[in-house]
């Protein structure tokens, strides 16, 4: 049966949002070999108990699904849109730009930018924090999108010699090498807003779409509280400075430092997710940006081809998902299946087949990652084991993923020497901050 997907409504007739129909996802010929059924999973979306912030009600339905229930059944989206319009009426034409749209070039930031320009009639400054792993197709998409929409783009590429050490330190401490990316993406646009006196930062989806840090009932803002609770992994920029010793000074850490609350209050900057004001639907929005802007999806390690719109911007995404699987027993495919199960566009058997087929494969990008950080795979395994989340036991037969089509074009970078890596690891294990 065809299902209509409503992702918003238009007051500007030139921008139509009520148009997407999708067939349910079906696959055949695959056998669910390794789907792990020993962990407790949501009876509706199959997310496991190792998912961050998850809890279950008496029906066995998870807290993320309950957020979705509230979103779909209780929110007056017309009222939410009216609140957004009122907010925008107070910020238009106050500065050279009405807002900043932080931009990765992925589906969510591209849709946000399209909506800001064509539906909301805003003049945005597009701010891109280059984490170091942009893919060729993403760069082509970015150029096409900003040129088609006629917007200004500011790109910032941080100091790689610092980034590579932050990646290893973050991997050791949290089993997540993306601290520089998490913090930089959310901090740097705030500093630009202050510098240029831009009154609004417009993000994409709210965190309540995927986790339970916040509920759709909350008035979620992308602020310092959210930054400290979700984004920085519990490690401030000052903490990282102390861990790095004297090689870098405090100025080098400014892009990862959230601006002081007093400064933000004086600047009267609002920082909000667009998805708190219109219902978010990645599949529909991805089709829209493809049709309107020529945006193209891509092959992503460990992601089914049906979801070629998902996380196309980063060539380390396969490593990130692989680490998550080794730590928690699930990764992006489970997340994607959960979204589709909540919408009713897939059945559980098909979801389990996809999870079994695509999750847990060792990505080809792991070789680039290990070389970049100057560590062996044995050392990598030791680090990941320290961050495994019970009751997942990580007793798996590792399968090998294939190289993506653009693998040979991924950038090579100056790597940490084995000596530099050993020093960071040794200092971490003995509790020293001087690396």
Protein backbone atom coordinates (compact mmCIF):
# COMPACT_ATOMS: atom_id res chain seq x y z
CA UNK A 1 0.00 0.00 0.00
CA UNK A 2 1.24 3.47 -0.82
CA UNK A 3 1.77 5.79 2.14
CA UNK A 4 1.76 9.55 1.97
CA UNK A 5 4.66 11.21 3.72
CA UNK A 6 3.92 14.69 5.09
CA UNK A 7 7.05 16.64 5.89
CA UNK A 8 5.53 20.07 6.32
CA UNK A 9 3.17 22.48 4.68
CA UNK A 10 3.71 25.51 2.54
CA UNK A 11 2.54 29.06 2.83
CA UNK A 12 4.69 29.95 -0.13
CA UNK A 13 3.10 28.14 -3.05
CA UNK A 14 6.43 27.92 -4.85
CA UNK A 15 7.65 25.35 -2.31
CA UNK A 16 5.49 22.24 -2.11
CA UNK A 17 6.10 19.79 0.71
CA UNK A 18 2.98 17.59 0.63
CA UNK A 19 3.87 15.37 -2.26
CA UNK A 20 5.92 12.32 -1.40
CA UNK A 21 4.60 8.74 -1.73
CA UNK A 22 6.76 5.73 -1.05
CA UNK A 23 6.40 2.02 -1.50
CA UNK A 24 7.24 -0.09 1.55
CA UNK A 25 10.79 -1.47 1.52
CA UNK A 26 10.98 -5.16 0.63
CA UNK A 27 13.98 -7.43 0.11
CA UNK A 28 14.22 -11.11 -0.62
CA UNK A 29 16.93 -13.75 -0.89
CA UNK A 30 18.87 -12.75 2.22
CA UNK A 31 19.32 -14.89 5.30
CA UNK A 32 19.55 -13.36 8.76
CA UNK A 33 22.74 -15.10 9.91
CA UNK A 34 24.00 -13.03 12.80
CA UNK A 35 21.09 -10.93 14.02
CA UNK A 36 21.71 -10.81 17.75
CA UNK A 37 18.49 -11.60 19.60
CA UNK A 38 19.98 -12.00 23.08
CA UNK A 39 19.84 -8.30 23.89
CA UNK A 40 16.55 -6.74 24.88
CA UNK A 41 15.13 -4.84 21.93
CA UNK A 42 12.23 -2.50 21.39
CA UNK A 43 9.16 -4.47 20.39
CA UNK A 44 8.35 -1.84 17.77
CA UNK A 45 11.62 -0.55 16.25
CA UNK A 46 14.17 -3.21 17.34
CA UNK A 47 16.66 -0.78 18.89
CA UNK A 48 18.67 -2.66 21.54
CA UNK A 49 19.12 -1.89 25.21
CA UNK A 50 22.67 -0.68 24.51
CA UNK A 51 21.33 2.40 22.66
CA UNK A 52 22.22 5.56 24.56
CA UNK A 53 19.41 7.00 26.73
CA UNK A 54 17.01 4.16 25.90
CA UNK A 55 14.34 2.91 28.29
CA UNK A 56 11.31 0.69 27.79
CA UNK A 57 7.71 0.93 28.93
CA UNK A 58 5.49 -1.96 30.05
CA UNK A 59 4.73 -2.78 26.40
CA UNK A 60 8.44 -3.13 25.65
CA UNK A 61 8.31 0.00 23.48
CA UNK A 62 11.40 2.19 23.71
CA UNK A 63 11.58 5.83 24.74
CA UNK A 64 12.54 6.93 21.21
CA UNK A 65 9.38 5.34 19.81
CA UNK A 66 7.40 7.06 22.55
CA UNK A 67 8.91 10.37 21.42
CA UNK A 68 7.77 9.53 17.91
CA UNK A 69 4.27 8.70 19.15
CA UNK A 70 4.04 12.11 20.77
CA UNK A 71 5.41 13.78 17.64
CA UNK A 72 2.89 12.14 15.33
CA UNK A 73 -0.16 12.21 17.57
CA UNK A 74 0.04 15.20 19.89
CA UNK A 75 1.92 18.05 18.21
CA UNK A 76 0.00 20.78 16.44
CA UNK A 77 2.47 21.42 13.62
CA UNK A 78 0.50 24.43 12.40
CA UNK A 79 0.99 26.02 15.80
CA UNK A 80 4.68 25.08 15.79
CA UNK A 81 5.10 26.72 12.38
CA UNK A 82 3.36 29.86 13.64
CA UNK A 83 5.88 30.03 16.49
CA UNK A 84 8.71 29.78 13.99
CA UNK A 85 7.22 32.54 11.84
CA UNK A 86 6.88 34.78 14.87
CA UNK A 87 10.50 34.15 15.85
CA UNK A 88 11.67 34.94 12.31
CA UNK A 89 9.68 38.16 12.18
CA UNK A 90 11.83 39.45 15.03
CA UNK A 91 15.20 38.67 13.44
CA UNK A 92 14.87 39.55 9.77
CA UNK A 93 17.11 42.30 8.37
CA UNK A 94 18.93 42.90 11.68
CA UNK A 95 22.36 42.05 10.26
CA UNK A 96 24.11 41.26 7.01
CA UNK A 97 22.60 37.78 7.30
CA UNK A 98 19.33 36.64 8.86
CA UNK A 99 20.75 33.33 10.03
CA UNK A 100 23.58 30.83 9.87
CA UNK A 101 22.92 27.38 8.48
CA UNK A 102 25.69 25.00 9.66
CA UNK A 103 26.38 22.83 6.64
CA UNK A 104 27.93 19.40 6.24
CA UNK A 105 26.57 18.85 2.74
CA UNK A 106 24.55 15.87 3.94
CA UNK A 107 20.81 15.44 3.50
CA UNK A 108 19.68 17.24 6.68
CA UNK A 109 21.76 20.41 6.36
CA UNK A 110 21.00 20.59 2.63
CA UNK A 111 17.26 20.37 3.27
CA UNK A 112 17.52 22.94 6.06
CA UNK A 113 19.29 25.33 3.71
CA UNK A 114 16.73 24.77 0.95
CA UNK A 115 13.85 25.36 3.37
CA UNK A 116 15.49 28.47 4.83
CA UNK A 117 15.97 30.07 1.42
CA UNK A 118 12.89 29.07 -0.55
CA UNK A 119 10.23 28.58 2.10
CA UNK A 120 11.28 30.92 4.90
CA UNK A 121 12.74 33.54 2.55
CA UNK A 122 15.81 34.07 4.75
CA UNK A 123 19.26 35.29 3.77
CA UNK A 124 21.61 32.72 5.32
CA UNK A 125 25.35 32.49 5.75
CA UNK A 126 26.30 28.87 5.15
CA UNK A 127 29.05 27.77 7.56
CA UNK A 128 30.92 24.54 6.91
CA UNK A 129 33.27 23.04 9.52
CA UNK A 130 35.56 20.78 7.47
CA UNK A 131 36.32 17.86 9.79
CA UNK A 132 38.93 16.55 7.34
CA UNK A 133 37.08 13.68 5.67
CA UNK A 134 34.83 15.21 3.03
CA UNK A 135 34.16 12.95 0.05
CA UNK A 136 34.35 14.06 -3.61
CA UNK A 137 30.62 13.69 -4.24
CA UNK A 138 29.82 15.75 -1.15
CA UNK A 139 32.08 18.55 -2.35
CA UNK A 140 30.39 18.49 -5.75
CA UNK A 141 26.98 18.53 -4.04
CA UNK A 142 28.01 21.44 -1.84
CA UNK A 143 29.18 23.56 -4.75
CA UNK A 144 26.05 22.81 -6.76
CA UNK A 145 23.71 23.53 -3.84
CA UNK A 146 25.22 26.87 -2.80
CA UNK A 147 25.44 28.03 -6.40
CA UNK A 148 21.88 26.94 -7.23
CA UNK A 149 20.48 28.68 -4.16
CA UNK A 150 22.73 31.73 -4.51
CA UNK A 151 24.06 31.81 -0.95
CA UNK A 152 27.37 32.77 0.66
CA UNK A 153 29.57 29.97 2.01
CA UNK A 154 32.23 30.16 4.73
CA UNK A 155 34.41 27.07 5.18
CA UNK A 156 36.76 26.46 8.11
CA UNK A 157 39.39 23.70 8.10
CA UNK A 158 41.06 23.20 11.49
CA UNK A 159 44.69 22.43 12.26
CA UNK A 160 45.24 18.82 11.19
CA UNK A 161 48.31 18.33 13.39
CA UNK A 162 46.06 18.97 16.39
CA UNK A 163 43.06 17.10 14.98
CA UNK A 164 44.89 13.79 14.57
CA UNK A 165 46.00 13.87 18.22
CA UNK A 166 42.49 14.80 19.36
CA UNK A 167 41.15 11.82 17.41
CA UNK A 168 43.45 9.35 19.17
CA UNK A 169 42.89 10.89 22.61
CA UNK A 170 39.12 10.82 22.12
CA UNK A 171 39.24 7.23 20.89
CA UNK A 172 41.19 6.19 23.98
CA UNK A 173 38.91 7.99 26.42
CA UNK A 174 35.48 7.48 24.88
CA UNK A 175 35.80 4.90 22.12
CA UNK A 176 34.76 7.72 19.77
CA UNK A 177 37.37 9.48 17.63
CA UNK A 178 35.02 12.28 16.51
CA UNK A 179 35.38 14.72 19.43
CA UNK A 180 36.90 17.40 17.19
CA UNK A 181 34.02 17.01 14.74
CA UNK A 182 31.24 16.96 17.36
CA UNK A 183 32.52 20.03 19.16
CA UNK A 184 33.74 21.98 16.15
CA UNK A 185 30.52 21.63 14.16
CA UNK A 186 28.51 23.02 17.05
CA UNK A 187 30.96 25.58 18.47
CA UNK A 188 32.43 27.23 15.42
CA UNK A 189 29.13 28.54 13.95
CA UNK A 190 28.36 30.11 17.33
CA UNK A 191 31.59 32.12 17.22
CA UNK A 192 30.81 33.26 13.67
CA UNK A 193 27.32 34.34 14.76
CA UNK A 194 28.84 36.44 17.54
CA UNK A 195 31.52 37.91 15.28
CA UNK A 196 29.06 38.89 12.55
CA UNK A 197 26.14 39.69 14.88
CA UNK A 198 23.86 37.14 13.19
CA UNK A 199 20.77 36.60 15.39
CA UNK A 200 19.82 33.01 14.49
CA UNK A 201 21.47 29.64 13.90
CA UNK A 202 19.18 27.17 12.15
CA UNK A 203 20.05 23.49 12.53
CA UNK A 204 18.33 20.43 11.11
CA UNK A 205 16.66 17.63 13.04
CA UNK A 206 16.15 17.75 16.83
CA UNK A 207 17.92 15.16 18.99
CA UNK A 208 14.52 13.77 20.05
CA UNK A 209 14.16 12.31 16.55
CA UNK A 210 16.86 9.73 17.38
CA UNK A 211 17.46 9.64 21.13
CA UNK A 212 15.87 10.42 24.49
CA UNK A 213 18.06 13.19 25.85
CA UNK A 214 15.13 15.46 25.03
CA UNK A 215 11.48 14.82 24.26
CA UNK A 216 9.40 16.45 21.56
CA UNK A 217 7.48 17.92 24.49
CA UNK A 218 10.58 19.93 25.41
CA UNK A 219 11.42 23.29 23.92
CA UNK A 220 14.75 22.04 22.62
CA UNK A 221 17.39 24.59 21.78
CA UNK A 222 20.89 23.89 20.48
CA UNK A 223 22.55 25.58 23.44
CA UNK A 224 25.32 25.11 25.99
CA UNK A 225 23.31 22.62 28.06
CA UNK A 226 22.72 20.45 25.00
CA UNK A 227 26.36 20.83 24.00
CA UNK A 228 27.59 19.59 27.38
CA UNK A 229 24.99 16.83 27.67
CA UNK A 230 25.19 15.36 24.16
CA UNK A 231 27.93 16.83 22.00
CA UNK A 232 31.30 17.05 23.78
CA UNK A 233 31.37 13.50 25.21
CA UNK A 234 31.92 14.98 28.66
CA UNK A 235 35.29 16.47 27.65
CA UNK A 236 35.62 20.25 27.42
CA UNK A 237 38.13 22.03 25.20
CA UNK A 238 40.04 23.03 28.36
CA UNK A 239 40.20 19.34 29.34
CA UNK A 240 41.64 18.51 25.94
CA UNK A 241 44.15 21.33 26.16
CA UNK A 242 45.43 19.87 29.42
CA UNK A 243 45.71 16.44 27.83
CA UNK A 244 47.71 17.78 24.89
CA UNK A 245 50.32 19.43 27.07
CA UNK A 246 52.36 22.40 25.82
CA UNK A 247 52.50 21.60 22.10
CA UNK A 248 49.33 23.63 21.45
CA UNK A 249 48.08 26.76 23.18
CA UNK A 250 44.57 27.71 24.24
CA UNK A 251 43.91 29.66 21.05
CA UNK A 252 44.22 26.42 19.07
CA UNK A 253 41.22 25.06 20.96
CA UNK A 254 38.86 27.99 20.38
CA UNK A 255 37.03 26.27 17.46
CA UNK A 256 36.06 23.47 19.89
CA UNK A 257 35.11 25.77 22.76
CA UNK A 258 31.50 26.76 23.26
CA UNK A 259 31.20 30.53 23.73
CA UNK A 260 30.58 31.76 27.29
CA UNK A 261 26.92 31.92 28.22
CA UNK A 262 27.15 35.61 29.15
CA UNK A 263 28.50 36.47 25.72
CA UNK A 264 25.71 34.54 24.03
CA UNK A 265 23.08 36.21 26.19
CA UNK A 266 24.49 39.63 25.38
CA UNK A 267 24.45 38.75 21.68
CA UNK A 268 20.83 37.49 21.94
CA UNK A 269 21.52 34.65 19.52
CA UNK A 270 18.85 31.99 19.08
CA UNK A 271 20.02 28.50 18.13
CA UNK A 272 17.21 26.11 17.16
CA UNK A 273 16.55 22.89 15.22
CA UNK A 274 14.20 23.34 12.26
CA UNK A 275 12.81 19.89 13.04
CA UNK A 276 11.18 21.24 16.20
CA UNK A 277 8.90 23.33 13.96
CA UNK A 278 8.18 21.04 11.00
CA UNK A 279 7.91 17.21 11.03
CA UNK A 280 11.19 15.64 9.94
CA UNK A 281 11.31 12.92 7.28
CA UNK A 282 14.78 12.08 5.86
CA UNK A 283 13.62 9.94 2.93
CA UNK A 284 11.12 12.50 1.70
CA UNK A 285 13.51 15.38 2.23
CA UNK A 286 16.31 13.56 0.41
CA UNK A 287 14.05 13.05 -2.60
CA UNK A 288 13.13 16.72 -2.46
CA UNK A 289 16.69 18.04 -2.44
CA UNK A 290 17.56 15.68 -5.29
CA UNK A 291 14.65 16.95 -7.37
CA UNK A 292 15.09 20.63 -6.52
CA UNK A 293 18.87 20.95 -6.34
CA UNK A 294 20.38 17.98 -8.16
CA UNK A 295 21.84 16.67 -4.88
CA UNK A 296 23.19 13.13 -5.31
CA UNK A 297 23.43 10.28 -2.85
CA UNK A 298 26.39 7.94 -2.61
CA UNK A 299 27.60 4.50 -1.61
CA UNK A 300 28.41 4.39 2.12
CA UNK A 301 30.23 1.57 3.87
CA UNK A 302 27.87 -0.68 5.78
CA UNK A 303 24.70 1.06 4.56
CA UNK A 304 22.11 -0.64 2.30
CA UNK A 305 21.92 0.90 -1.20
CA UNK A 306 18.26 1.78 -0.59
CA UNK A 307 19.59 4.43 1.82
CA UNK A 308 22.14 6.07 -0.46
CA UNK A 309 21.16 9.45 1.03
CA UNK A 310 22.51 8.55 4.46
CA UNK A 311 25.82 9.95 5.82
CA UNK A 312 27.40 10.47 2.42
CA UNK A 313 29.66 13.33 3.47
CA UNK A 314 32.35 11.57 5.54
CA UNK A 315 34.74 8.85 4.39
CA UNK A 316 35.35 7.82 8.00
CA UNK A 317 31.65 7.00 8.48
CA UNK A 318 32.28 3.30 7.97
CA UNK A 319 34.85 3.29 10.78
CA UNK A 320 32.51 5.22 13.06
CA UNK A 321 29.68 2.75 12.49
CA UNK A 322 32.01 -0.24 12.87
CA UNK A 323 33.25 1.03 16.23
CA UNK A 324 29.68 1.56 17.38
CA UNK A 325 28.80 -1.99 16.39
CA UNK A 326 31.80 -3.41 18.22
CA UNK A 327 30.93 -1.38 21.33
CA UNK A 328 27.15 -1.70 21.39
CA UNK A 329 26.11 -4.49 19.04
CA UNK A 330 24.32 -2.29 16.56
CA UNK A 331 25.09 0.57 14.20
CA UNK A 332 23.54 2.80 11.52
CA UNK A 333 21.53 0.06 9.82
CA UNK A 334 19.64 -0.60 13.06
CA UNK A 335 19.02 3.13 13.35
CA UNK A 336 17.69 3.28 9.78
CA UNK A 337 15.51 0.23 10.28
CA UNK A 338 14.10 1.76 13.47
CA UNK A 339 13.07 4.88 11.54
CA UNK A 340 11.36 2.81 8.85
CA UNK A 341 9.64 0.51 11.35
CA UNK A 342 8.19 3.51 13.17
CA UNK A 343 6.78 4.76 9.87
CA UNK A 344 5.42 1.33 8.97
CA UNK A 345 7.33 1.23 5.67
CA UNK A 346 9.14 -2.02 6.46
CA UNK A 347 8.31 -5.25 8.32
CA UNK A 348 10.43 -6.68 11.14
CA UNK A 349 11.64 -9.71 9.19
CA UNK A 350 13.00 -7.51 6.41
CA UNK A 351 14.55 -5.18 8.98
CA UNK A 352 16.32 -8.09 10.66
CA UNK A 353 17.60 -9.32 7.29
CA UNK A 354 19.07 -5.92 6.50
CA UNK A 355 20.69 -5.66 9.92
CA UNK A 356 22.24 -9.11 9.52
CA UNK A 357 23.48 -8.45 6.01
CA UNK A 358 25.04 -5.02 6.48
CA UNK A 359 26.04 -4.49 10.11
CA UNK A 360 29.36 -5.42 11.65
CA UNK A 361 31.52 -5.65 8.53
CA UNK A 362 35.09 -4.46 8.84
CA UNK A 363 35.25 -1.37 6.61
CA UNK A 364 38.04 -0.79 4.10
CA UNK A 365 38.41 2.70 5.58
CA UNK A 366 39.73 1.17 8.80
CA UNK A 367 43.11 0.73 7.09
CA UNK A 368 43.24 4.48 6.35
CA UNK A 369 42.14 5.25 9.90
CA UNK A 370 44.78 3.05 11.55
CA UNK A 371 47.52 4.50 9.36
CA UNK A 372 46.37 8.03 10.11
CA UNK A 373 46.60 7.50 13.86
CA UNK A 374 49.75 5.39 13.73
CA UNK A 375 48.27 2.41 15.57
CA UNK A 376 48.03 -1.30 14.78
CA UNK A 377 44.80 -3.23 14.51
CA UNK A 378 45.75 -5.14 17.65
CA UNK A 379 46.00 -1.84 19.54
CA UNK A 380 42.69 -0.75 18.04
CA UNK A 381 41.06 -3.97 19.31
CA UNK A 382 42.40 -3.37 22.82
CA UNK A 383 40.99 0.16 22.84
CA UNK A 384 37.53 -0.88 21.60
CA UNK A 385 37.27 -3.72 24.10
CA UNK A 386 37.56 -1.20 26.96
CA UNK A 387 34.41 0.57 25.73
CA UNK A 388 32.11 -2.40 25.14
CA UNK A 389 28.64 -1.89 26.64
CA UNK A 390 27.00 -4.78 28.51
CA UNK A 391 25.22 -7.03 27.80
CA UNK A 392 26.68 -6.99 24.29
CA UNK A 393 29.57 -9.49 24.25
CA UNK A 394 31.13 -8.64 20.85
CA UNK A 395 31.62 -12.33 20.07
CA UNK A 396 31.31 -12.11 16.32
CA UNK A 397 32.87 -13.52 13.20
CA UNK A 398 34.09 -10.36 11.51
CA UNK A 399 33.16 -10.06 7.84
CA UNK A 400 35.05 -7.86 5.41
CA UNK A 401 33.28 -4.99 3.67
CA UNK A 402 34.06 -3.98 0.11
CA UNK A 403 35.79 -0.78 -0.92
CA UNK A 404 33.47 2.05 -1.96
CA UNK A 405 33.75 3.25 -5.55
CA UNK A 406 35.68 6.42 -4.60
CA UNK A 407 38.03 4.81 -2.07
CA UNK A 408 41.17 5.56 -4.07
CA UNK A 409 40.32 9.27 -4.15
CA UNK A 410 40.11 9.65 -0.37
CA UNK A 411 42.66 12.09 0.90
CA UNK A 412 45.92 10.88 2.38
CA UNK A 413 47.09 12.98 5.31
CA UNK A 414 50.24 13.33 7.39
CA UNK A 415 49.97 10.54 9.94
CA UNK A 416 50.99 10.29 13.55
CA UNK A 417 54.24 8.42 13.87
CA UNK A 418 54.16 5.20 15.87
CA UNK A 419 56.32 6.97 18.46
CA UNK A 420 53.84 9.84 18.81
CA UNK A 421 50.94 7.41 19.11
CA UNK A 422 52.75 5.25 21.65
CA UNK A 423 53.43 8.30 23.80
CA UNK A 424 49.78 9.38 23.79
CA UNK A 425 48.65 5.83 24.62
CA UNK A 426 51.24 5.39 27.37
CA UNK A 427 50.36 8.71 28.97
CA UNK A 428 46.67 7.90 28.82
CA UNK A 429 47.19 4.53 30.52
CA UNK A 430 49.31 5.97 33.30
CA UNK A 431 46.95 8.92 33.80
CA UNK A 432 49.40 11.58 32.63
CA UNK A 433 48.15 14.71 30.85
CA UNK A 434 51.48 15.43 29.16
CA UNK A 435 51.46 13.84 25.69
